[in-house]
C-alpha atoms as a PDB file:
ATOM      1  CA  MET A   1     -76.542  -1.183   5.299  1.00  0.00           C
ATOM      2  CA  ARG A   2     -76.655   2.542   4.660  1.00  0.00           C
ATOM      3  CA  TYR A   3     -72.867   2.710   4.253  1.00  0.00           C
ATOM      4  CA  ARG A   4     -72.849  -0.178   1.795  1.00  0.00           C
ATOM      5  CA  LEU A   5     -75.501   1.467  -0.354  1.00  0.00           C
ATOM      6  CA  THR A   6     -73.582   4.763  -0.304  1.00  0.00           C
ATOM      7  CA  PHE A   7     -70.344   2.950  -1.206  1.00  0.00           C
ATOM      8  CA  ILE A   8     -71.991   1.038  -4.094  1.00  0.00           C
ATOM      9  CA  ALA A   9     -73.594   4.239  -5.410  1.00  0.00           C
ATOM     10  CA  GLY A  10     -70.211   5.993  -5.264  1.00  0.00           C
ATOM     11  CA  VAL A  11     -68.491   3.139  -7.097  1.00  0.00           C
ATOM     12  CA  ALA A  12     -71.181   3.117  -9.793  1.00  0.00           C
ATOM     13  CA  LEU A  13     -70.998   6.893 -10.263  1.00  0.00           C
ATOM     14  CA  GLY A  14     -67.175   6.775 -10.403  1.00  0.00           C
ATOM     15  CA  TYR A  15     -67.277   3.980 -12.942  1.00  0.00           C
ATOM     16  CA  VAL A  16     -69.700   5.844 -15.229  1.00  0.00           C
ATOM     17  CA  LEU A  17     -67.764   9.109 -15.053  1.00  0.00           C
ATOM     18  CA  GLY A  18     -64.431   7.335 -15.452  1.00  0.00           C
ATOM     19  CA  THR A  19     -65.512   5.389 -18.515  1.00  0.00           C
ATOM     20  CA  ARG A  20     -66.932   8.515 -20.124  1.00  0.00           C
ATOM     21  CA  ALA A  21     -63.686  10.437 -19.527  1.00  0.00           C
ATOM     22  CA  GLY A  22     -61.679   7.428 -20.722  1.00  0.00           C
ATOM     23  CA  ARG A  23     -63.704   7.202 -23.905  1.00  0.00           C
ATOM     24  CA  GLU A  24     -63.181  10.896 -24.651  1.00  0.00           C
ATOM     25  CA  ARG A  25     -59.427  10.550 -24.100  1.00  0.00           C
ATOM     26  CA  TYR A  26     -59.387   7.477 -26.339  1.00  0.00           C
ATOM     27  CA  GLU A  27     -61.134   9.415 -29.095  1.00  0.00           C
ATOM     28  CA  GLN A  28     -58.592  12.236 -28.739  1.00  0.00           C
ATOM     29  CA  LEU A  29     -55.679   9.812 -29.006  1.00  0.00           C
ATOM     30  CA  LYS A  30     -57.251   8.097 -32.001  1.00  0.00           C
ATOM     31  CA  LYS A  31     -57.785  11.427 -33.768  1.00  0.00           C
ATOM     32  CA  SER A  32     -54.209  12.582 -33.174  1.00  0.00           C
ATOM     33  CA  ALA A  33     -52.807   9.212 -34.309  1.00  0.00           C
ATOM     34  CA  ARG A  34     -54.849   9.414 -37.504  1.00  0.00           C
ATOM     35  CA  GLN A  35     -53.618  12.959 -38.181  1.00  0.00           C
ATOM     36  CA  PHE A  36     -50.032  11.856 -37.577  1.00  0.00           C
ATOM     37  CA  ALA A  37     -50.387   8.886 -39.941  1.00  0.00           C
ATOM     38  CA  GLN A  38     -51.883  11.075 -42.674  1.00  0.00           C
ATOM     39  CA  ASN A  39     -49.034  13.579 -42.524  1.00  0.00           C
ATOM     40  CA  PRO A  40     -47.267  13.448 -45.932  1.00  0.00           C
ATOM     41  CA  ALA A  41     -43.789  13.574 -44.395  1.00  0.00           C
ATOM     42  CA  VAL A  42     -44.579  10.625 -42.146  1.00  0.00           C
ATOM     43  CA  ARG A  43     -46.136   8.664 -45.006  1.00  0.00           C
ATOM     44  CA  ASN A  44     -43.125   9.269 -47.267  1.00  0.00           C
ATOM     45  CA  THR A  45     -40.700   8.260 -44.531  1.00  0.00           C
ATOM     46  CA  ALA A  46     -42.649   5.084 -43.765  1.00  0.00           C
ATOM     47  CA  GLU A  47     -42.849   4.197 -47.454  1.00  0.00           C
ATOM     48  CA  THR A  48     -39.112   4.775 -47.911  1.00  0.00           C
ATOM     49  CA  ALA A  49     -38.341   2.624 -44.876  1.00  0.00           C
ATOM     50  CA  ALA A  50     -40.600  -0.155 -46.164  1.00  0.00           C
ATOM     51  CA  GLN A  51     -38.967  -0.050 -49.593  1.00  0.00           C
ATOM     52  CA  SER A  52     -35.483  -0.159 -48.058  1.00  0.00           C
ATOM     53  CA  GLY A  53     -36.567  -3.103 -45.920  1.00  0.00           C
ATOM     54  CA  ARG A  54     -37.848  -4.973 -48.964  1.00  0.00           C
ATOM     55  CA  GLU A  55     -34.597  -4.358 -50.846  1.00  0.00           C
ATOM     56  CA  PHE A  56     -32.503  -5.493 -47.886  1.00  0.00           C
ATOM     57  CA  ALA A  57     -34.661  -8.606 -47.427  1.00  0.00           C
ATOM     58  CA  GLY A  58     -34.257  -9.446 -51.117  1.00  0.00           C
ATOM     59  CA  LYS A  59     -30.478  -9.094 -50.925  1.00  0.00           C
ATOM     60  CA  ALA A  60     -30.379 -11.195 -47.759  1.00  0.00           C
ATOM     61  CA  TYR A  61     -32.581 -13.840 -49.372  1.00  0.00           C
ATOM     62  CA  HIS A  62     -30.267 -14.128 -52.365  1.00  0.00           C
ATOM     63  CA  ALA A  63     -27.117 -14.160 -50.209  1.00  0.00           C
ATOM     64  CA  VAL A  64     -28.498 -16.908 -47.981  1.00  0.00           C
ATOM     65  CA  GLY A  65     -29.838 -18.806 -50.995  1.00  0.00           C
ATOM     66  CA  GLU A  66     -26.428 -18.844 -52.621  1.00  0.00           C
ATOM     67  CA  LYS A  67     -24.722 -20.081 -49.460  1.00  0.00           C
ATOM     68  CA  VAL A  68     -27.351 -22.645 -48.488  1.00  0.00           C
ATOM     69  CA  GLY A  69     -28.181 -23.825 -51.982  1.00  0.00           C
ATOM     70  CA  ASP A  70     -29.945 -27.182 -52.072  1.00  0.00           C
ATOM     71  CA  LYS A  71     -28.825 -28.134 -48.555  1.00  0.00           C
ATOM     72  CA  VAL A  72     -32.230 -27.292 -47.079  1.00  0.00           C
ATOM     73  CA  PRO A  73     -34.043 -30.418 -45.868  1.00  0.00           C
ATOM     74  CA  ALA A  74     -37.149 -31.455 -47.799  1.00  0.00           C
ATOM     75  CA  SER A  75     -39.335 -31.010 -44.708  1.00  0.00           C
ATOM     76  CA  VAL A  76     -38.410 -27.317 -44.575  1.00  0.00           C
ATOM     77  CA  THR A  77     -38.668 -26.830 -48.338  1.00  0.00           C
ATOM     78  CA  ASP A  78     -42.239 -28.138 -48.295  1.00  0.00           C
ATOM     79  CA  ARG A  79     -43.237 -25.561 -45.694  1.00  0.00           C
ATOM     80  CA  VAL A  80     -41.529 -22.529 -47.229  1.00  0.00           C
ATOM     81  CA  ARG A  81     -43.426 -21.317 -50.282  1.00  0.00           C
ATOM     82  CA  SER A  82     -40.461 -19.596 -51.922  1.00  0.00           C
ATOM     83  CA  LEU A  83     -38.363 -22.775 -51.814  1.00  0.00           C
ATOM     84  CA  ARG A  84     -40.960 -25.000 -53.465  1.00  0.00           C
ATOM     85  CA  GLY A  85     -39.881 -26.111 -56.876  1.00  0.00           C
ATOM     86  CA  ARG A  86     -36.365 -24.745 -56.519  1.00  0.00           C
ATOM     87  CA  GLY A  87     -34.936 -27.989 -57.855  1.00  0.00           C
ATOM     88  CA  SER A  88     -37.628 -28.745 -60.435  1.00  0.00           C
ATOM     89  CA  GLY A  89     -38.365 -26.795 -63.598  1.00  0.00           C
ATOM     90  CA  SER A  90     -41.758 -25.132 -63.207  1.00  0.00           C
ATOM     91  CA  VAL A  91     -44.183 -25.525 -60.358  1.00  0.00           C
ATOM     92  CA  GLU A  92     -47.627 -24.036 -59.873  1.00  0.00           C
ATOM     93  CA  ASP A  93     -47.886 -22.049 -56.664  1.00  0.00           C
ATOM     94  CA  ASP A  94     -50.897 -21.362 -54.410  1.00  0.00           C
ATOM     95  CA  TRP A  95     -52.148 -18.604 -56.728  1.00  0.00           C
ATOM     96  CA  GLY A  96     -52.210 -20.783 -59.800  1.00  0.00           C
ATOM     97  CA  THR A  97     -49.256 -19.121 -61.468  1.00  0.00           C
ATOM     98  CA  THR A  98     -46.313 -21.098 -62.783  1.00  0.00           C
ATOM     99  CA  ASN A  99     -42.841 -20.466 -61.375  1.00  0.00           C
ATOM    100  CA  THR A 100     -39.939 -21.274 -63.646  1.00  0.00           C
END
């Protein structure tokens, strides 16, 4: 019984000390990640990459749209917001604006 109690006390003490050290390390990592993300060079690079991605996605969308045209099945068109109303004149989207 004495050995079990000693073992349980050791496990409890190890758990408490380990979680405290783990929490401190987590806070250090969080602080360094925040500093990295707030670095102007990193922010500019991320913004440039996002803008390039948006431009590429727009070009790809138009290229695929021209090749696919109206061959997309109605079941898919109903699910994809950007394809709704492609054949009809103006359709109101989820935000209440009219697409022409």
